[in-house]
Protein backbone atom coordinates (compact mmCIF):
# COMPACT_ATOMS: atom_id res chain seq x y z
CA MET A 1 -10.99 39.68 21.50
CA GLY A 2 -9.23 38.03 18.50
CA LEU A 3 -10.33 35.70 15.85
CA TYR A 4 -8.80 32.75 17.64
CA ASP A 5 -9.44 33.62 21.25
CA ALA A 6 -12.92 31.75 21.66
CA PHE A 7 -13.01 29.44 24.63
CA ARG A 8 -9.40 30.26 25.63
CA GLN A 9 -8.29 31.73 28.98
CA ASN A 10 -4.89 33.42 29.45
CA GLY A 11 -3.69 32.36 26.14
CA ALA A 12 -4.01 28.69 27.02
CA PRO A 13 -5.40 25.95 24.60
CA THR A 14 -9.03 25.92 23.99
CA PHE A 15 -10.93 24.55 27.00
CA TYR A 16 -14.05 22.49 26.50
CA GLU A 17 -16.50 21.80 29.51
CA ALA A 18 -17.16 18.30 30.47
CA VAL A 19 -20.08 16.53 28.65
CA HIS A 20 -22.41 15.24 31.46
CA ILE A 21 -23.90 12.01 30.10
CA PRO A 22 -26.54 10.21 32.31
CA VAL A 23 -24.86 7.25 33.98
CA GLU A 24 -27.71 4.92 33.30
CA ALA A 25 -27.74 5.69 29.49
CA ASP A 26 -26.58 2.59 27.31
CA LEU A 27 -24.74 3.95 24.30
CA VAL A 28 -25.06 0.71 22.36
CA VAL A 29 -28.74 0.54 22.76
CA SER A 30 -29.21 4.20 21.97
CA GLY A 31 -27.07 3.83 18.87
CA LEU A 32 -29.32 0.87 17.56
CA VAL A 33 -32.47 2.75 18.29
CA PHE A 34 -31.21 5.89 16.58
CA CYS A 35 -30.34 3.68 13.47
CA PHE A 36 -33.80 2.30 13.20
CA VAL A 37 -35.36 5.69 13.65
CA ILE A 38 -33.23 7.09 10.80
CA LEU A 39 -34.36 4.17 8.59
CA ALA A 40 -38.03 4.77 9.52
CA ALA A 41 -37.70 8.39 8.77
CA SER A 42 -36.12 7.72 5.46
CA PHE A 43 -39.02 5.34 4.38
CA PHE A 44 -41.65 7.70 5.79
CA LEU A 45 -40.35 10.53 3.55
CA VAL A 46 -41.34 8.44 0.49
CA LEU A 47 -44.91 7.81 1.62
CA PRO A 48 -46.30 11.05 0.21
CA GLY A 49 -45.60 9.98 -3.27
CA ILE A 50 -47.84 6.80 -2.82
CA ARG A 51 -51.46 7.19 -3.72
CA GLY A 52 -54.58 5.72 -2.23
CA LYS A 53 -54.76 2.96 0.28
CA GLU A 54 -51.32 1.66 -0.80
CA ARG A 55 -49.91 4.58 1.33
CA LEU A 56 -51.55 3.08 4.44
CA PHE A 57 -50.47 -0.43 3.55
CA ALA A 58 -46.87 0.70 3.04
CA PHE A 59 -46.95 2.64 6.42
CA THR A 60 -48.07 -0.49 8.26
CA ARG A 61 -45.52 -2.79 6.43
CA ILE A 62 -42.51 -0.47 7.20
CA THR A 63 -43.56 0.24 10.78
CA LEU A 64 -44.05 -3.36 11.73
CA SER A 65 -40.97 -4.72 9.95
CA LEU A 66 -38.54 -2.04 11.40
CA PHE A 67 -40.18 -2.46 14.81
CA ILE A 68 -39.45 -6.23 14.79
CA GLY A 69 -35.85 -5.65 13.71
CA ALA A 70 -35.42 -3.09 16.36
CA VAL A 71 -36.74 -5.28 19.10
CA ILE A 72 -34.38 -8.17 17.95
CA LEU A 73 -31.27 -6.14 18.22
CA VAL A 74 -32.09 -4.01 21.06
CA SER A 75 -33.14 -7.11 23.19
CA ASN A 76 -29.80 -8.68 22.30
CA PHE A 77 -27.76 -5.89 23.87
CA ALA A 78 -30.06 -4.46 26.34
CA MET A 79 -29.29 -4.85 30.14
CA THR A 80 -32.99 -5.14 31.38
CA TRP A 81 -33.70 -8.80 31.08
CA GLU A 82 -34.12 -8.88 34.89
CA VAL A 83 -34.18 -5.85 37.16
CA SER A 84 -34.44 -5.06 40.90
CA THR A 85 -34.42 -1.83 42.82
CA ILE A 86 -34.62 -0.82 46.45
CA THR A 87 -34.96 2.63 47.65
CA SER A 88 -33.99 4.46 50.87
CA THR A 89 -31.58 1.74 51.79
CA PRO A 90 -29.23 2.39 54.62
CA THR A 91 -25.86 0.93 53.99
CA LYS A 92 -22.13 1.32 54.29
CA TYR A 93 -20.44 3.56 51.87
CA LYS A 94 -16.63 2.77 51.64
CA ALA A 95 -13.99 0.84 53.61
CA GLY A 96 -12.66 3.03 56.38
CA ILE A 97 -15.72 5.16 56.62
CA GLY A 98 -17.92 4.25 59.54
CA ASP A 99 -20.98 6.56 58.71
CA ASP A 100 -23.84 5.05 56.83
CA ILE A 101 -25.51 6.51 53.83
CA THR A 102 -29.06 6.37 52.50
CA ALA A 103 -29.25 5.47 48.82
CA THR A 104 -31.05 3.81 46.00
CA ILE A 105 -29.60 0.57 44.74
CA GLY A 106 -30.60 -0.89 41.40
CA VAL A 107 -29.31 -3.93 39.55
CA ASN A 108 -30.01 -4.59 35.86
CA ILE A 109 -29.03 -7.98 34.37
CA GLY A 110 -28.60 -8.64 30.65
CA LEU A 111 -27.38 -11.23 28.38
CA ARG A 112 -23.85 -9.98 28.64
CA GLY A 113 -23.38 -8.86 32.21
CA ILE A 114 -24.98 -6.69 35.00
CA ASN A 115 -25.27 -3.08 35.71
CA VAL A 116 -25.14 -1.81 39.42
CA THR A 117 -26.34 1.62 40.17
CA LEU A 118 -25.79 3.42 43.51
CA LYS A 119 -27.46 6.98 43.92
CA GLY A 120 -27.56 8.68 47.21
CA GLU A 121 -30.60 10.21 48.90
CA PRO A 122 -29.79 12.96 48.76
CA GLU A 123 -27.09 12.86 46.16
CA LYS A 124 -24.61 14.93 48.29
CA GLN A 125 -23.56 13.00 51.36
CA LEU A 126 -20.32 12.74 53.42
CA ASN A 127 -18.96 15.64 51.23
CA GLU A 128 -19.10 13.41 48.14
CA THR A 129 -21.45 13.10 45.21
CA ILE A 130 -22.86 9.50 45.32
CA ASN A 131 -24.07 8.63 41.82
CA TYR A 132 -22.38 5.45 40.57
CA ASN A 133 -23.13 3.13 37.74
CA GLU A 134 -20.72 0.15 37.26
CA HIS A 135 -20.75 -2.50 34.52
CA PHE A 136 -19.40 -6.05 35.03
CA SER A 137 -19.41 -8.26 31.92
CA TRP A 138 -19.17 -12.03 31.72
CA GLU A 139 -18.91 -12.49 27.99
CA TRP A 140 -18.08 -15.30 27.45
CA ARG A 141 -15.44 -17.42 28.95
CA GLN A 142 -16.09 -18.96 32.41
CA GLY A 143 -12.32 -19.20 33.31
CA ARG A 144 -10.65 -20.78 36.20
CA PRO A 145 -11.86 -20.23 39.80
CA GLY A 146 -10.38 -17.34 41.56
CA PHE A 147 -9.39 -13.81 40.44
CA GLY A 148 -6.00 -14.44 38.72
CA PRO A 149 -4.98 -13.87 35.04
CA PHE A 150 -6.71 -17.11 34.06
CA ALA A 151 -9.99 -16.39 35.67
CA GLY A 152 -13.17 -15.33 33.91
CA ARG A 153 -13.70 -11.73 32.78
CA PHE A 154 -16.27 -11.00 35.58
CA ASN A 155 -13.83 -12.08 38.25
CA GLN A 156 -11.13 -9.93 36.88
CA GLN A 157 -13.18 -6.90 36.70
CA TYR A 158 -14.44 -7.47 40.21
CA ARG A 159 -10.87 -7.67 41.50
CA ALA A 160 -10.07 -4.50 39.57
CA ALA A 161 -13.05 -2.74 41.14
CA GLN A 162 -11.72 -3.73 44.58
CA PHE A 163 -8.45 -2.04 43.88
CA ARG A 164 -10.19 0.98 42.65
CA GLY A 165 -12.11 1.30 45.91
CA LEU A 166 -15.70 1.32 44.67
CA PRO A 167 -18.46 1.60 47.20
CA LEU A 168 -19.24 -1.40 49.28
CA PRO A 169 -22.83 -1.84 48.08
CA ILE A 170 -21.60 -2.24 44.35
CA LEU A 171 -18.94 -4.83 45.45
CA TRP A 172 -21.57 -6.64 47.63
CA VAL A 173 -23.75 -7.08 44.65
CA ALA A 174 -21.02 -8.14 42.22
CA GLU A 175 -19.58 -10.59 44.77
CA TYR A 176 -22.81 -12.80 44.46
CA PHE A 177 -21.88 -13.54 40.69
CA THR A 178 -18.32 -14.58 41.48
CA PHE A 179 -19.25 -17.55 43.61
CA ASP A 180 -18.99 -20.87 41.66
CA GLY A 181 -19.19 -23.79 44.10
CA GLU A 182 -21.76 -26.27 45.42
CA GLY A 183 -25.30 -24.97 44.62
CA ILE A 184 -24.17 -21.16 44.62
CA ARG A 185 -23.45 -20.76 40.88
CA TRP A 186 -25.44 -17.64 40.05
CA GLY A 187 -22.76 -16.24 37.78
CA ARG A 188 -22.25 -19.39 35.76
CA HIS A 189 -25.99 -19.96 35.30
CA TYR A 190 -26.62 -16.42 34.04
CA ARG A 191 -23.67 -16.58 31.75
CA GLN A 192 -24.91 -19.82 30.11
CA ALA A 193 -28.48 -18.45 29.80
CA GLY A 194 -27.13 -15.30 28.25
CA TRP A 195 -24.83 -17.33 25.83
CA TYR A 196 -27.55 -19.43 24.42
CA SER A 197 -30.23 -16.76 24.36
CA HIS A 198 -28.04 -14.20 22.54
CA ILE A 199 -27.14 -17.05 19.85
CA VAL A 200 -30.90 -17.64 19.24
CA LEU A 201 -31.55 -13.85 18.82
CA TRP A 202 -28.73 -13.67 16.41
CA LEU A 203 -30.52 -16.47 14.49
CA ALA A 204 -33.72 -14.36 14.46
CA PHE A 205 -31.92 -11.36 12.94
CA PRO A 206 -31.18 -13.08 9.44
CA LEU A 207 -34.61 -14.80 9.60
CA TRP A 208 -36.06 -11.33 9.80
CA ILE A 209 -34.01 -10.02 6.83
CA LEU A 210 -35.13 -13.06 4.63
CA THR A 211 -38.67 -12.47 5.73
CA ASN A 212 -38.64 -8.98 4.34
CA ILE A 213 -37.09 -10.25 0.94
CA LEU A 214 -39.50 -13.20 0.50
CA PHE A 215 -42.58 -10.81 1.09
CA PHE A 216 -41.67 -9.19 -2.22
CA VAL A 217 -41.22 -12.64 -3.91
CA LEU A 218 -43.39 -15.37 -2.43
CA LEU A 219 -45.87 -14.31 0.29
CA ARG A 220 -46.40 -17.96 1.56
CA TYR A 221 -42.63 -18.44 2.23
CA GLY A 222 -42.40 -14.96 3.71
CA ALA A 223 -44.99 -16.10 6.22
CA TYR A 224 -42.96 -19.23 6.99
CA PHE A 225 -39.90 -17.32 7.85
CA LEU A 226 -41.92 -14.66 9.86
CA VAL A 227 -43.17 -17.61 12.00
CA MET A 228 -39.50 -18.80 12.29
CA THR A 229 -38.46 -15.51 13.52
CA GLY A 230 -41.12 -15.31 16.21
CA ALA A 231 -40.23 -18.86 17.22
CA ALA A 232 -36.55 -17.91 17.66
CA MET A 233 -37.44 -14.91 19.71
CA VAL A 234 -39.67 -17.01 21.99
CA THR A 235 -36.95 -19.66 22.22
CA SER A 236 -34.50 -17.18 23.62
CA ASN A 237 -37.08 -16.16 26.35
CA ILE A 238 -37.52 -19.81 27.20
CA ILE A 239 -33.82 -20.42 27.39
CA TRP A 240 -33.40 -17.48 29.65
CA ALA A 241 -36.21 -18.47 32.10
CA THR A 242 -35.02 -22.06 32.35
CA LEU A 243 -31.25 -21.66 32.57
CA ARG A 244 -30.68 -18.40 34.40
CA ASN A 245 -30.42 -20.02 37.87
CA VAL A 246 -31.62 -23.01 39.91
CA ASN A 247 -31.86 -21.08 43.16
CA GLU A 248 -33.59 -17.70 43.21
CA LEU A 249 -31.02 -14.83 43.65
CA LYS A 250 -31.86 -12.49 46.61
CA ILE A 251 -29.25 -9.97 47.67
CA PRO A 252 -30.07 -8.63 51.32
CA PHE A 253 -28.95 -5.40 52.64
CA SER A 254 -31.21 -5.44 55.62
CA ASP A 255 -34.33 -7.13 56.95
CA LYS A 256 -36.57 -4.84 55.04
CA HIS A 257 -34.45 -4.10 52.02
CA VAL A 258 -33.67 -7.26 49.86
CA LEU A 259 -33.00 -7.20 46.10
CA GLU A 260 -35.53 -9.62 44.55
CA PHE A 261 -35.22 -9.96 40.80
CA ALA A 262 -38.08 -10.01 38.29
CA PHE A 263 -38.15 -10.18 34.48
CA GLY A 264 -37.54 -6.67 32.89
CA GLY A 265 -38.71 -4.80 29.97
CA SER A 266 -36.43 -6.56 27.45
CA PHE A 267 -37.57 -9.99 28.33
CA TRP A 268 -41.28 -9.02 27.94
CA ILE A 269 -40.97 -7.04 24.78
CA CYS A 270 -38.99 -9.83 23.11
CA LEU A 271 -41.59 -12.27 24.25
CA ILE A 272 -44.61 -10.19 23.06
CA THR A 273 -42.91 -9.45 19.70
CA GLY A 274 -42.04 -13.10 19.12
CA ILE A 275 -45.70 -14.13 19.79
CA LEU A 276 -46.84 -11.30 17.48
CA CYS A 277 -44.64 -12.61 14.74
CA ILE A 278 -46.05 -15.95 14.94
CA ILE A 279 -49.57 -14.85 14.86
CA LEU A 280 -48.87 -12.46 11.95
CA GLY A 281 -47.20 -15.25 10.08
CA VAL A 282 -50.29 -17.64 10.52
CA VAL A 283 -52.61 -14.77 9.52
CA VAL A 284 -50.62 -14.13 6.21
CA TYR A 285 -50.53 -17.84 5.49
CA VAL A 286 -54.30 -18.33 5.97
CA MET A 287 -55.04 -15.27 3.96
CA ASP A 288 -52.79 -16.48 1.18
CA LEU A 289 -54.74 -19.56 1.02
CA ARG A 290 -58.21 -18.22 1.43
CA CYS A 291 -57.98 -14.59 0.16
CA PRO A 292 -54.95 -14.31 -2.06
CA GLN A 293 -56.10 -11.17 -3.89
CA LEU A 294 -56.58 -9.20 -0.71
CA ILE A 295 -53.08 -10.21 0.87
CA ALA A 296 -51.54 -9.57 -2.41
CA THR A 297 -52.99 -6.07 -2.44
CA PHE A 298 -51.67 -5.40 0.98
CA PHE A 299 -48.17 -6.53 0.07
CA ASN A 300 -48.27 -4.92 -3.44
CA ALA A 301 -47.27 -8.31 -4.78
CA ASP A 302 -48.43 -10.22 -7.91
CA VAL A 303 -50.73 -13.18 -7.45
CA ILE A 304 -49.42 -15.18 -10.23
CA GLN A 305 -45.73 -15.12 -9.10
CA ASP A 306 -46.92 -16.59 -5.78
CA SER A 307 -48.36 -19.72 -7.32
CA GLU A 308 -46.14 -22.74 -7.92
CA GLU A 309 -48.21 -24.29 -10.60
CA VAL A 310 -49.98 -22.27 -13.28
CA GLN A 311 -52.28 -24.04 -15.71
CA VAL A 312 -52.94 -22.33 -19.00
CA GLU A 313 -55.84 -23.59 -21.23
CA LYS A 314 -55.28 -23.36 -24.88
CA GLU A 315 -58.15 -22.30 -27.05
CA GLU A 316 -58.76 -24.70 -29.87
CA PRO A 317 -59.46 -23.15 -33.28
CA VAL A 318 -62.96 -23.42 -34.76
CA VAL A 319 -62.96 -25.74 -37.85
CA SER A 320 -65.77 -26.17 -40.21
CA ASP A 321 -67.67 -29.48 -40.62
CA ARG A 322 -66.25 -30.03 -44.01
CA ARG A 323 -62.67 -29.75 -42.81
CA GLU A 324 -63.43 -32.20 -40.02
CA GLU A 325 -64.85 -34.71 -42.40
CA GLU A 326 -61.85 -34.43 -44.70
CA ASP A 327 -59.52 -34.86 -41.70
CA GLU A 328 -61.41 -37.91 -40.60
CA GLU A 329 -61.08 -39.45 -44.12
CA ASP A 330 -57.37 -38.79 -44.14
CA GLU A 331 -56.90 -40.44 -40.89
CA THR A 332 -58.99 -43.52 -41.97
CA ALA A 333 -56.82 -43.78 -45.22
CA GLU A 334 -53.58 -43.42 -43.18
CA LYS A 335 -54.73 -46.19 -40.78
CA GLU A 336 -55.70 -48.54 -43.67
CA ALA A 337 -52.33 -47.85 -45.32
CA ASP A 338 -50.43 -48.64 -42.03
CA ARG A 339 -52.42 -51.74 -41.54
CA SER A 340 -51.59 -53.04 -45.15
CA ALA A 341 -47.95 -52.21 -44.66
CA SER A 342 -47.73 -54.06 -41.43
CA ALA A 343 -49.44 -57.04 -42.81
CA ALA A 344 -47.06 -57.08 -45.83
CA ALA A 345 -44.13 -56.84 -43.50
CA ALA A 346 -45.41 -59.74 -41.54
CA GLU A 347 -45.53 -62.19 -44.46
CA PRO A 348 -42.14 -63.65 -45.30
CA THR A 349 -40.79 -63.50 -48.91
CA ASP A 350 -39.35 -66.45 -50.86
CA ASP A 351 -35.83 -65.24 -50.19
CA GLU A 352 -36.43 -65.18 -46.53
CA ILE A 353 -37.96 -68.79 -46.65
CA TYR A 354 -35.02 -70.24 -48.60
CA GLU A 355 -32.28 -68.31 -46.87
CA VAL A 356 -29.89 -70.43 -45.10
CA ARG A 357 -29.60 -69.11 -41.55
CA MET A 358 -26.63 -70.20 -39.57
CA PRO A 359 -27.31 -70.86 -35.82
CA GLN A 360 -25.97 -68.35 -33.47
CA GLU A 361 -23.74 -69.30 -30.61
CA MET A 362 -25.70 -69.92 -27.61
CA ARG A 363 -25.00 -70.66 -24.12
CA PRO A 364 -25.71 -74.18 -22.84
CA ALA A 365 -28.78 -73.12 -20.73
CA GLN A 366 -30.21 -71.25 -23.69
CA ARG A 367 -29.55 -74.16 -26.09
CA ARG A 368 -31.31 -76.66 -23.89
CA PHE A 369 -34.29 -74.30 -23.52
CA THR A 370 -34.37 -73.90 -27.29
CA GLN A 371 -34.33 -77.71 -28.09
CA ARG A 372 -36.99 -78.43 -25.50
CA PHE A 373 -39.62 -75.79 -26.00
CA GLN A 374 -39.10 -74.26 -29.44
CA LYS A 375 -39.64 -75.49 -33.02
CA PRO A 376 -37.50 -74.58 -35.97
CA ARG A 377 -38.91 -71.83 -38.00
CA ARG A 378 -37.38 -73.01 -41.40
CA ARG A 379 -39.60 -74.92 -43.65
CA PRO A 380 -38.26 -78.17 -45.31
CA PRO A 381 -36.98 -77.50 -48.83
CA PRO A 382 -38.97 -79.02 -51.82
CA PRO A 383 -37.51 -82.26 -53.26
CA VAL A 384 -34.80 -81.79 -55.99
CA PRO A 385 -36.07 -83.11 -59.32
CA MET A 386 -34.06 -86.22 -60.59
CA ARG A 387 -32.51 -86.64 -64.07
CA HIS A 388 -34.85 -87.41 -66.92
CA ILE A 389 -34.35 -90.21 -69.38
CA SER A 390 -33.36 -89.22 -72.85
CA ASN A 391 -34.50 -91.27 -76.02
CA ASP A 392 -32.41 -92.46 -78.81
CA ASP A 393 -32.98 -89.60 -81.00
CA GLY A 394 -30.91 -87.45 -78.50
CA GLU A 395 -33.69 -85.06 -77.99
CA ASP A 396 -32.94 -83.63 -74.53
CA TYR A 397 -35.16 -81.33 -72.43
CA GLN A 398 -38.36 -82.25 -74.00
CA ASN A 399 -41.63 -82.51 -72.27
CA MET A 400 -42.00 -86.35 -71.93
CA PRO A 401 -44.59 -88.40 -70.47
CA ASP A 402 -44.72 -88.71 -66.69
CA GLU A 403 -43.87 -92.45 -66.83
CA GLU A 404 -40.30 -91.71 -68.30
CA TYR A 405 -39.20 -89.60 -65.27
CA GLU A 406 -37.80 -91.14 -62.28
CA ASN A 407 -39.63 -90.27 -58.95
CA ALA A 408 -42.54 -88.97 -60.77
CA ALA A 409 -44.90 -89.65 -57.97
CA ALA A 410 -42.86 -87.43 -55.68
CA LEU A 411 -42.95 -84.62 -58.17
CA LYS A 412 -46.74 -84.67 -58.16
């Protein structure tokens, strides 16, 4: 056996056997679960380095947070919002084959489509292995009625399944979702319910991310966003329960074997997790108001940074009695000085009295108001002294008796 002869037969290229994957496994959901398991394992590896009770607190926070995020994404892509299964069902197998088979038929309905499972009992019947799982998607366009190129995605996949020759039980189930007339519109109603529910679940995902960020900054606002995350999840359940159909969907195969649908695991886990988020958000909010120190210890947060208003009291320095008396005397002196300065400023000077003030230009309305209700502030000037009478000796500017002056009485 040579170095490059492994897995080769007769010199042909390497042959690898088929990888048998269970037909009911959902690769998208499995991938999402695997991502969150990796994140949880990465965080749990850090826990041994944390001491005391903080290790338990960190474990609780990490577990709850990752559980909520995983439920949001897995519920969005899971196919178990409604389920129905019937066992030991006698049914036709394929067109052109007259013999019946006994099989288990299961239908899982999600937000984006349906999965139909057909498994024989036993699995080997009619010289064939009866183990089918087919997926039909309706995301997201309704399309025109019929099965042409402008029809919806579900109708086109149904027509392709007919050409492929899938078993009749699978086509019988899928045909119920292609009807779109009168009161038979199960495909349209399920598509609308899935559309709005998946939008609200996508809204819950960024709210969950903001909740994790705000729990490191402000606990109160983190509680608000945690409540909004739970409200969005519960809203998706309400939308699905109210819009999914008007008439209950029942798919009969015989009198005793009828597919009757009920809410599945994805619906209930989304609802329970949403209610849990609302309760936890309310608890965190109440504890932040009543016991801020305890909730801050649990989240390893600072109490002061969670307070919007912080009041700091300044300590006043101790001053001796003598210094206080001096300060009071200085304040009294300053007040007296200010009072005297204001009094001096209030008294007009001689220059201000005799200053000729030109009247300003005023509007007619203002001028009338001034003339009627205001008095002029200028004082009348004193009388101007008249010329004195000089004597014959030519002595001018002498102090003469009062009788020699004109208008002597006015001067007095």
